[in-house]
Amino acid sequence: MSSLLTDRRTRGAVAAFTTSALAFGGAAAMLGAQPGQASSHREAPAILTDPQADNTDVYAFVSPDRPGKVNLISNWNP
């Protein structure tokens, strides 16, 4: 009987610790979250000499008309 009681206490302690750790981790993640920002490669040495090679955006998504195909869209600096 005592081993059953110890086993229940151990599981309860592990569950409490896990719940606390997840709550703390979630709170820390939300407090440290920053809004997303686009990357800029304009500072790269090769792009400074050839600005037309600098792509600004790339989008990829499954075609709504043809589910077996992927659409790619890319924007480039003029």
PDB file of N, CA and C in Angstrom:
ATOM      1  N   MET A   1       0.814  -1.194   0.000  1.00  0.00           N
ATOM      2  CA  MET A   1       0.000   0.000   0.000  1.00  0.00           C
ATOM      3  C   MET A   1       0.862   1.264   0.000  1.00  0.00           C
ATOM      4  N   SER A   2       1.965   1.243   0.731  1.00  0.00           N
ATOM      5  CA  SER A   2       2.802   2.438   0.791  1.00  0.00           C
ATOM      6  C   SER A   2       3.451   2.728  -0.560  1.00  0.00           C
ATOM      7  N   SER A   3       3.792   1.685  -1.331  1.00  0.00           N
ATOM      8  CA  SER A   3       4.376   1.937  -2.647  1.00  0.00           C
ATOM      9  C   SER A   3       3.355   2.565  -3.587  1.00  0.00           C
ATOM     10  N   LEU A   4       2.085   2.189  -3.457  1.00  0.00           N
ATOM     11  CA  LEU A   4       1.029   2.784  -4.269  1.00  0.00           C
ATOM     12  C   LEU A   4       0.866   4.256  -3.924  1.00  0.00           C
ATOM     13  N   LEU A   5       0.916   4.581  -2.644  1.00  0.00           N
ATOM     14  CA  LEU A   5       0.797   5.967  -2.196  1.00  0.00           C
ATOM     15  C   LEU A   5       1.990   6.786  -2.686  1.00  0.00           C
ATOM     16  N   THR A   6       3.185   6.212  -2.581  1.00  0.00           N
ATOM     17  CA  THR A   6       4.386   6.899  -3.051  1.00  0.00           C
ATOM     18  C   THR A   6       4.319   7.119  -4.554  1.00  0.00           C
ATOM     19  N   ASP A   7       3.849   6.114  -5.285  1.00  0.00           N
ATOM     20  CA  ASP A   7       3.716   6.220  -6.734  1.00  0.00           C
ATOM     21  C   ASP A   7       2.742   7.331  -7.111  1.00  0.00           C
ATOM     22  N   ARG A   8       1.643   7.438  -6.409  1.00  0.00           N
ATOM     23  CA  ARG A   8       0.663   8.505  -6.681  1.00  0.00           C
ATOM     24  C   ARG A   8       1.247   9.874  -6.365  1.00  0.00           C
ATOM     25  N   ARG A   9       1.976   9.964  -5.263  1.00  0.00           N
ATOM     26  CA  ARG A   9       2.598  11.248  -4.905  1.00  0.00           C
ATOM     27  C   ARG A   9       3.629  11.654  -5.954  1.00  0.00           C
ATOM     28  N   THR A  10       4.407  10.680  -6.399  1.00  0.00           N
ATOM     29  CA  THR A  10       5.421  10.968  -7.412  1.00  0.00           C
ATOM     30  C   THR A  10       4.778  11.445  -8.707  1.00  0.00           C
ATOM     31  N   ARG A  11       3.740  10.745  -9.144  1.00  0.00           N
ATOM     32  CA  ARG A  11       3.047  11.165 -10.367  1.00  0.00           C
ATOM     33  C   ARG A  11       2.422  12.544 -10.191  1.00  0.00           C
ATOM     34  N   GLY A  12       1.861  12.815  -9.018  1.00  0.00           N
ATOM     35  CA  GLY A  12       1.277  14.135  -8.761  1.00  0.00           C
ATOM     36  C   GLY A  12       2.327  15.228  -8.786  1.00  0.00           C
ATOM     37  N   ALA A  13       3.488  14.944  -8.192  1.00  0.00           N
ATOM     38  CA  ALA A  13       4.567  15.934  -8.182  1.00  0.00           C
ATOM     39  C   ALA A  13       5.093  16.177  -9.593  1.00  0.00           C
ATOM     40  N   VAL A  14       5.241  15.115 -10.368  1.00  0.00           N
ATOM     41  CA  VAL A  14       5.709  15.257 -11.751  1.00  0.00           C
ATOM     42  C   VAL A  14       4.692  16.040 -12.572  1.00  0.00           C
ATOM     43  N   ALA A  15       3.418  15.750 -12.388  1.00  0.00           N
ATOM     44  CA  ALA A  15       2.370  16.469 -13.121  1.00  0.00           C
ATOM     45  C   ALA A  15       2.361  17.948 -12.745  1.00  0.00           C
ATOM     46  N   ALA A  16       2.512  18.249 -11.463  1.00  0.00           N
ATOM     47  CA  ALA A  16       2.532  19.646 -11.018  1.00  0.00           C
ATOM     48  C   ALA A  16       3.749  20.376 -11.579  1.00  0.00           C
ATOM     49  N   PHE A  17       4.900  19.720 -11.556  1.00  0.00           N
ATOM     50  CA  PHE A  17       6.112  20.331 -12.084  1.00  0.00           C
ATOM     51  C   PHE A  17       5.984  20.579 -13.586  1.00  0.00           C
ATOM     52  N   THR A  18       5.477  19.593 -14.308  1.00  0.00           N
ATOM     53  CA  THR A  18       5.316  19.725 -15.756  1.00  0.00           C
ATOM     54  C   THR A  18       4.355  20.854 -16.103  1.00  0.00           C
ATOM     55  N   THR A  19       3.238  20.925 -15.394  1.00  0.00           N
ATOM     56  CA  THR A  19       2.262  21.985 -15.631  1.00  0.00           C
ATOM     57  C   THR A  19       2.874  23.349 -15.356  1.00  0.00           C
ATOM     58  N   SER A  20       3.612  23.463 -14.258  1.00  0.00           N
ATOM     59  CA  SER A  20       4.255  24.735 -13.918  1.00  0.00           C
ATOM     60  C   SER A  20       5.291  25.123 -14.964  1.00  0.00           C
ATOM     61  N   ALA A  21       6.080  24.152 -15.395  1.00  0.00           N
ATOM     62  CA  ALA A  21       7.111  24.435 -16.390  1.00  0.00           C
ATOM     63  C   ALA A  21       6.492  24.883 -17.709  1.00  0.00           C
ATOM     64  N   LEU A  22       5.418  24.228 -18.133  1.00  0.00           N
ATOM     65  CA  LEU A  22       4.748  24.621 -19.376  1.00  0.00           C
ATOM     66  C   LEU A  22       4.127  26.007 -19.258  1.00  0.00           C
ATOM     67  N   ALA A  23       3.517  26.300 -18.123  1.00  0.00           N
ATOM     68  CA  ALA A  23       2.913  27.622 -17.920  1.00  0.00           C
ATOM     69  C   ALA A  23       3.985  28.705 -17.923  1.00  0.00           C
ATOM     70  N   PHE A  24       5.087  28.458 -17.237  1.00  0.00           N
ATOM     71  CA  PHE A  24       6.174  29.431 -17.195  1.00  0.00           C
ATOM     72  C   PHE A  24       6.780  29.621 -18.584  1.00  0.00           C
ATOM     73  N   GLY A  25       7.007  28.521 -19.291  1.00  0.00           N
ATOM     74  CA  GLY A  25       7.569  28.610 -20.639  1.00  0.00           C
ATOM     75  C   GLY A  25       6.650  29.352 -21.594  1.00  0.00           C
ATOM     76  N   GLY A  26       5.351  29.094 -21.500  1.00  0.00           N
ATOM     77  CA  GLY A  26       4.391  29.796 -22.349  1.00  0.00           C
ATOM     78  C   GLY A  26       4.353  31.284 -22.057  1.00  0.00           C
ATOM     79  N   ALA A  27       4.375  31.626 -20.769  1.00  0.00           N
ATOM     80  CA  ALA A  27       4.367  33.041 -20.389  1.00  0.00           C
ATOM     81  C   ALA A  27       5.643  33.729 -20.858  1.00  0.00           C
ATOM     82  N   ALA A  28       6.769  33.068 -20.708  1.00  0.00           N
ATOM     83  CA  ALA A  28       8.038  33.649 -21.149  1.00  0.00           C
ATOM     84  C   ALA A  28       8.052  33.839 -22.665  1.00  0.00           C
ATOM     85  N   ALA A  29       7.490  32.888 -23.391  1.00  0.00           N
ATOM     86  CA  ALA A  29       7.445  33.004 -24.851  1.00  0.00           C
ATOM     87  C   ALA A  29       6.562  34.170 -25.284  1.00  0.00           C
ATOM     88  N   MET A  30       5.438  34.359 -24.609  1.00  0.00           N
ATOM     89  CA  MET A  30       4.541  35.463 -24.975  1.00  0.00           C
ATOM     90  C   MET A  30       5.145  36.808 -24.618  1.00  0.00           C
ATOM     91  N   LEU A  31       5.830  36.892 -23.496  1.00  0.00           N
ATOM     92  CA  LEU A  31       6.428  38.160 -23.103  1.00  0.00           C
ATOM     93  C   LEU A  31       7.599  38.529 -24.004  1.00  0.00           C
ATOM     94  N   GLY A  32       8.295  37.524 -24.503  1.00  0.00           N
ATOM     95  CA  GLY A  32       9.448  37.783 -25.343  1.00  0.00           C
ATOM     96  C   GLY A  32       9.128  37.825 -26.824  1.00  0.00           C
ATOM     97  N   ALA A  33       7.867  37.635 -27.198  1.00  0.00           N
ATOM     98  CA  ALA A  33       7.503  37.601 -28.614  1.00  0.00           C
ATOM     99  C   ALA A  33       7.640  38.987 -29.232  1.00  0.00           C
ATOM    100  N   GLN A  34       8.189  39.024 -30.415  1.00  0.00           N
ATOM    101  CA  GLN A  34       8.356  40.262 -31.161  1.00  0.00           C
ATOM    102  C   GLN A  34       7.581  40.136 -32.468  1.00  0.00           C
ATOM    103  N   PRO A  35       7.081  41.227 -33.007  1.00  0.00           N
ATOM    104  CA  PRO A  35       6.399  41.131 -34.299  1.00  0.00           C
ATOM    105  C   PRO A  35       7.388  40.697 -35.380  1.00  0.00           C
ATOM    106  N   GLY A  36       6.884  39.957 -36.343  1.00  0.00           N
ATOM    107  CA  GLY A  36       7.732  39.481 -37.428  1.00  0.00           C
ATOM    108  C   GLY A  36       8.207  40.629 -38.303  1.00  0.00           C
ATOM    109  N   GLN A  37       9.383  40.496 -38.827  1.00  0.00           N
ATOM    110  CA  GLN A  37       9.935  41.516 -39.703  1.00  0.00           C
ATOM    111  C   GLN A  37      10.502  40.837 -40.940  1.00  0.00           C
ATOM    112  N   ALA A  38      10.431  41.520 -42.035  1.00  0.00           N
ATOM    113  CA  ALA A  38      10.982  40.984 -43.276  1.00  0.00           C
ATOM    114  C   ALA A  38      12.506  41.067 -43.237  1.00  0.00           C
ATOM    115  N   SER A  39      13.133  40.142 -43.899  1.00  0.00           N
ATOM    116  CA  SER A  39      14.593  40.171 -43.953  1.00  0.00           C
ATOM    117  C   SER A  39      15.039  41.130 -45.052  1.00  0.00           C
ATOM    118  N   SER A  40      16.205  41.650 -44.891  1.00  0.00           N
ATOM    119  CA  SER A  40      16.775  42.535 -45.898  1.00  0.00           C
ATOM    120  C   SER A  40      18.176  42.037 -46.218  1.00  0.00           C
ATOM    121  N   HIS A  41      18.422  41.821 -47.501  1.00  0.00           N
ATOM    122  CA  HIS A  41      19.742  41.366 -47.912  1.00  0.00           C
ATOM    123  C   HIS A  41      20.496  42.489 -48.621  1.00  0.00           C
ATOM    124  N   ARG A  42      19.975  43.698 -48.503  1.00  0.00           N
ATOM    125  CA  ARG A  42      20.575  44.839 -49.186  1.00  0.00           C
ATOM    126  C   ARG A  42      21.996  45.096 -48.664  1.00  0.00           C
ATOM    127  N   GLU A  43      22.288  44.630 -47.462  1.00  0.00           N
ATOM    128  CA  GLU A  43      23.603  44.877 -46.883  1.00  0.00           C
ATOM    129  C   GLU A  43      24.660  43.904 -47.402  1.00  0.00           C
ATOM    130  N   ALA A  44      24.236  42.850 -48.093  1.00  0.00           N
ATOM    131  CA  ALA A  44      25.196  41.866 -48.600  1.00  0.00           C
ATOM    132  C   ALA A  44      26.075  42.516 -49.668  1.00  0.00           C
ATOM    133  N   PRO A  45      27.376  42.270 -49.646  1.00  0.00           N
ATOM    134  CA  PRO A  45      28.283  42.934 -50.598  1.00  0.00           C
ATOM    135  C   PRO A  45      27.910  42.710 -52.061  1.00  0.00           C
ATOM    136  N   ALA A  46      27.497  41.516 -52.431  1.00  0.00           N
ATOM    137  CA  ALA A  46      27.170  41.250 -53.835  1.00  0.00           C
ATOM    138  C   ALA A  46      25.918  42.008 -54.269  1.00  0.00           C
ATOM    139  N   ILE A  47      24.975  42.190 -53.381  1.00  0.00           N
ATOM    140  CA  ILE A  47      23.738  42.909 -53.714  1.00  0.00           C
ATOM    141  C   ILE A  47      24.012  44.399 -53.883  1.00  0.00           C
ATOM    142  N   LEU A  48      24.950  44.935 -53.135  1.00  0.00           N
ATOM    143  CA  LEU A  48      25.277  46.355 -53.283  1.00  0.00           C
ATOM    144  C   LEU A  48      25.786  46.662 -54.686  1.00  0.00           C
ATOM    145  N   THR A  49      26.483  45.728 -55.284  1.00  0.00           N
ATOM    146  CA  THR A  49      27.010  45.962 -56.632  1.00  0.00           C
ATOM    147  C   THR A  49      26.019  45.590 -57.727  1.00  0.00           C
ATOM    148  N   ASP A  50      24.986  44.794 -57.395  1.00  0.00           N
ATOM    149  CA  ASP A  50      23.986  44.369 -58.384  1.00  0.00           C
ATOM    150  C   ASP A  50      22.592  44.405 -57.750  1.00  0.00           C
ATOM    151  N   PRO A  51      21.997  45.596 -57.558  1.00  0.00           N
ATOM    152  CA  PRO A  51      20.720  45.695 -56.849  1.00  0.00           C
ATOM    153  C   PRO A  51      19.561  44.988 -57.548  1.00  0.00           C
ATOM    154  N   GLN A  52      19.650  44.762 -58.864  1.00  0.00           N
ATOM    155  CA  GLN A  52      18.569  44.063 -59.557  1.00  0.00           C
ATOM    156  C   GLN A  52      18.501  42.587 -59.173  1.00  0.00           C
ATOM    157  N   ALA A  53      19.539  42.073 -58.560  1.00  0.00           N
ATOM    158  CA  ALA A  53      19.544  40.675 -58.121  1.00  0.00           C
ATOM    159  C   ALA A  53      18.881  40.508 -56.756  1.00  0.00           C
ATOM    160  N   ASP A  54      18.462  41.605 -56.150  1.00  0.00           N
ATOM    161  CA  ASP A  54      17.853  41.555 -54.815  1.00  0.00           C
ATOM    162  C   ASP A  54      16.364  41.262 -54.933  1.00  0.00           C
ATOM    163  N   ASN A  55      15.965  40.047 -54.570  1.00  0.00           N
ATOM    164  CA  ASN A  55      14.527  39.754 -54.579  1.00  0.00           C
ATOM    165  C   ASN A  55      13.907  40.283 -53.294  1.00  0.00           C
ATOM    166  N   THR A  56      12.686  40.788 -53.407  1.00  0.00           N
ATOM    167  CA  THR A  56      12.038  41.387 -52.242  1.00  0.00           C
ATOM    168  C   THR A  56      11.100  40.425 -51.533  1.00  0.00           C
ATOM    169  N   ASP A  57      10.371  39.601 -52.277  1.00  0.00           N
ATOM    170  CA  ASP A  57       9.411  38.669 -51.679  1.00  0.00           C
ATOM    171  C   ASP A  57       9.349  37.390 -52.496  1.00  0.00           C
ATOM    172  N   VAL A  58       9.084  36.280 -51.816  1.00  0.00           N
ATOM    173  CA  VAL A  58       8.830  35.003 -52.480  1.00  0.00           C
ATOM    174  C   VAL A  58       7.625  34.375 -51.799  1.00  0.00           C
ATOM    175  N   TYR A  59       6.648  33.981 -52.595  1.00  0.00           N
ATOM    176  CA  TYR A  59       5.437  33.335 -52.081  1.00  0.00           C
ATOM    177  C   TYR A  59       5.315  31.960 -52.729  1.00  0.00           C
ATOM    178  N   ALA A  60       4.909  30.970 -51.963  1.00  0.00           N
ATOM    179  CA  ALA A  60       4.657  29.621 -52.487  1.00  0.00           C
ATOM    180  C   ALA A  60       3.371  29.111 -51.869  1.00  0.00           C
ATOM    181  N   PHE A  61       2.460  28.610 -52.720  1.00  0.00           N
ATOM    182  CA  PHE A  61       1.205  28.070 -52.210  1.00  0.00           C
ATOM    183  C   PHE A  61       0.651  27.053 -53.193  1.00  0.00           C
ATOM    184  N   VAL A  62      -0.137  26.136 -52.671  1.00  0.00           N
ATOM    185  CA  VAL A  62      -0.766  25.117 -53.508  1.00  0.00           C
ATOM    186  C   VAL A  62      -1.838  25.791 -54.354  1.00  0.00           C
ATOM    187  N   SER A  63      -1.858  25.464 -55.634  1.00  0.00           N
ATOM    188  CA  SER A  63      -2.823  26.045 -56.557  1.00  0.00           C
ATOM    189  C   SER A  63      -4.244  25.664 -56.155  1.00  0.00           C
ATOM    190  N   PRO A  64      -5.147  26.647 -56.043  1.00  0.00           N
ATOM    191  CA  PRO A  64      -6.529  26.312 -55.690  1.00  0.00           C
ATOM    192  C   PRO A  64      -7.244  25.542 -56.801  1.00  0.00           C
ATOM    193  N   ASP A  65      -6.827  25.729 -58.058  1.00  0.00           N
ATOM    194  CA  ASP A  65      -7.456  25.041 -59.189  1.00  0.00           C
ATOM    195  C   ASP A  65      -6.877  23.646 -59.433  1.00  0.00           C
ATOM    196  N   ARG A  66      -5.588  23.495 -59.121  1.00  0.00           N
ATOM    197  CA  ARG A  66      -4.901  22.224 -59.382  1.00  0.00           C
ATOM    198  C   ARG A  66      -4.112  21.833 -58.135  1.00  0.00           C
ATOM    199  N   PRO A  67      -4.712  21.059 -57.236  1.00  0.00           N
ATOM    200  CA  PRO A  67      -4.075  20.738 -55.950  1.00  0.00           C
ATOM    201  C   PRO A  67      -2.720  20.042 -56.060  1.00  0.00           C
ATOM    202  N   GLY A  68      -2.401  19.467 -57.196  1.00  0.00           N
ATOM    203  CA  GLY A  68      -1.107  18.808 -57.365  1.00  0.00           C
ATOM    204  C   GLY A  68       0.003  19.755 -57.789  1.00  0.00           C
ATOM    205  N   LYS A  69      -0.304  21.029 -57.939  1.00  0.00           N
ATOM    206  CA  LYS A  69       0.675  22.015 -58.409  1.00  0.00           C
ATOM    207  C   LYS A  69       0.926  23.065 -57.333  1.00  0.00           C
ATOM    208  N   VAL A  70       2.135  23.616 -57.349  1.00  0.00           N
ATOM    209  CA  VAL A  70       2.508  24.681 -56.417  1.00  0.00           C
ATOM    210  C   VAL A  70       2.771  25.944 -57.226  1.00  0.00           C
ATOM    211  N   ASN A  71       2.195  27.050 -56.810  1.00  0.00           N
ATOM    212  CA  ASN A  71       2.432  28.345 -57.446  1.00  0.00           C
ATOM    213  C   ASN A  71       3.567  29.047 -56.715  1.00  0.00           C
ATOM    214  N   LEU A  72       4.488  29.600 -57.474  1.00  0.00           N
ATOM    215  CA  LEU A  72       5.576  30.402 -56.926  1.00  0.00           C
ATOM    216  C   LEU A  72       5.462  31.802 -57.492  1.00  0.00           C
ATOM    217  N   ILE A  73       5.518  32.787 -56.628  1.00  0.00           N
ATOM    218  CA  ILE A  73       5.488  34.189 -57.049  1.00  0.00           C
ATOM    219  C   ILE A  73       6.675  34.866 -56.388  1.00  0.00           C
ATOM    220  N   SER A  74       7.398  35.651 -57.147  1.00  0.00           N
ATOM    221  CA  SER A  74       8.559  36.341 -56.610  1.00  0.00           C
ATOM    222  C   SER A  74       8.544  37.787 -57.084  1.00  0.00           C
ATOM    223  N   ASN A  75       8.935  38.684 -56.228  1.00  0.00           N
ATOM    224  CA  ASN A  75       9.050  40.106 -56.564  1.00  0.00           C
ATOM    225  C   ASN A  75      10.528  40.484 -56.546  1.00  0.00           C
ATOM    226  N   TRP A  76      10.895  41.355 -57.477  1.00  0.00           N
ATOM    227  CA  TRP A  76      12.279  41.793 -57.593  1.00  0.00           C
ATOM    228  C   TRP A  76      12.317  43.308 -57.673  1.00  0.00           C
ATOM    229  N   ASN A  77      13.398  43.889 -57.230  1.00  0.00           N
ATOM    230  CA  ASN A  77      13.582  45.328 -57.385  1.00  0.00           C
ATOM    231  C   ASN A  77      13.777  45.636 -58.860  1.00  0.00           C
ATOM    232  N   PRO A  78      13.172  46.719 -59.348  1.00  0.00           N
ATOM    233  CA  PRO A  78      13.334  47.067 -60.774  1.00  0.00           C
ATOM    234  C   PRO A  78      14.736  47.567 -61.074  1.00  0.00           C
TER     235      PRO A  78
END
